[in-house]
Amino acid sequence: MYLRPFLLIQGLAFLTIQIWSYFRLRAFGFEFMSKLETLATSGYIPIPLPSEVSDYLQMSSLLKAGIFFTFTLGFTFGVVAFAGSLCLSRFRLPNPIRLGWTVLVSALFSLLLGFSPIEFLLFVAFFGVAIVAVKMPDPSFHKVALFVLVPLVMVFLLFRQEGFLGVRDDLLQNSLGRKVVSFYYRYSPISAELITPPRERTQVSIWTETPLKQSEKSWLLKKGIYVVSTRDAADFDLSSELSGPEILKAVEKRTGWENTQRLRITILYSILIASPLAVLLFALFAVDRLLAISKYSRIILIVCVASLSALLIYNLFSKNASKSGEGFPTENAEEIRKWVISENKTRNLKLRETFIAHLGSTNPAVRLWAATALAHLPSKENVEILATVARQDPVTIVRCKAIFALSFQGDRKVVPFLESRLKGKEDWYVKHYLLRALRRFGWSG
């Protein structure tokens, strides 16, 4: 009964997000970031880049790839429009209230995604069509109640980030989740052409006291990087080693830095909201069949939803957060992360052994931060275990962080291993980390 209007609204949502991405992604400085990455991988600026810029590059890859991004965001749009249409149909609200709901929701999404009048009008058109043009059957009260209950549970999760991380990590641990992630990293660059906006002529300029060879200038020029004659006219002064803040300042100046950070959070919460609402939609379709079979189905449904909610809340509160300290006795990814980003780190043999032990955790987030932590505790004894993680871990981003940590161990014997992985059948994202790690050892390819 609800499948046809839902599919129609969802199709319109995906189309809306594709149109939005076409003109909105121009503001995120992709071409500038690709040229910055060219300078980094060719040895003109230091590697690794500042962590903020590395995160930005990863975010740029996600936005340009688009499959996962547009699917989750488009699905969230579709579910919000479907839920609104369902509730408005239930209570038979007049058109002025429907119009007010449309404007309010459109403004909310516009503010989340980086407000502009064009995208606001685009969202108004989509939500307006969803609640006016799509004919919705008169829903039962229990279906409207489901759409109220699930967002309430999600609001609770939104204020507890570990709730999201727990759901994400639990999903990634099963074989299907790992296959989905691997599929995304393997094929998303191909799909990037679907939503990548027309290329803009972004000129990146450099200056150096030491004259470059003509061949070097020609190669840089082909990449859209210009060698200028005055220091003040250059984006990057290569006469001395660049610091992290200098690179970050240039990135903030030439890209939509704040918009991207906002968009990153929006994507994070879209994934969080879209997944349970997808389950809810399937539950709605199943409820119709249950109610047709037995008059007691409503009671069964209420008991199931209440039990699931209680289980989620219990699971969140039952996790014991470990106290900050040297040993990290529990596998708490957040505590390890705090140690990694802290300026005054405690360094000792016991701590290194603890992080090595955490590389065997069943939680991918713990393994990720444990591998990152070992980059700050270099030792030749770390090399073998990190190489094993880089070769065998089923989660792509954990392998990437193990490769990142390997480049800080100070053992050049790891170079042949990194070269062999670079020539192998690794996902493009892993090869990006491999290339950066090899550059740290002075590798020129």
Foldseek 3Di string as FASTA:
>chain_A
DCVVLLVVLLVLLLVLLLVCLQPVVVQFQLLVLVLVLVCDLQPLADPPAPPLSVVSVVLSLPSLLPPLQSNLRSLLLSLVLSLVLQVCLQVVDDPVVQLVVQLVVLVVVCVLQPHDPVSSVSSSVSSVCSNPVRDDPHDDPVLNVLVVVLVVLLVVCVVPVVLLLVVLQVQCLDPVNLVVQQVCLFCSVVNSVSRHYPDDLDAAEEEEPDDDDPVVQVVSVVSRYHYDDDPVVHLYYSNDHDDNVSVVVSSVVSGVSVSSVSSVVVSSSSVSSSVVSVVSVVVVVVLVVVVVPDVCSVVVVVVVVVVVSVVSVCVVVVDDDDDADQQCPDLDLVNLVCQLPDPDHDDDPNSLVNLLVQCPDSGLSSLQSSLLSLLVVAAPVVQVSLLCCLPDPSHPSSVLSSLVSNLSNPDPVCLVVLVVVLPDPHRPVSNSSSSSSNVSVVDND
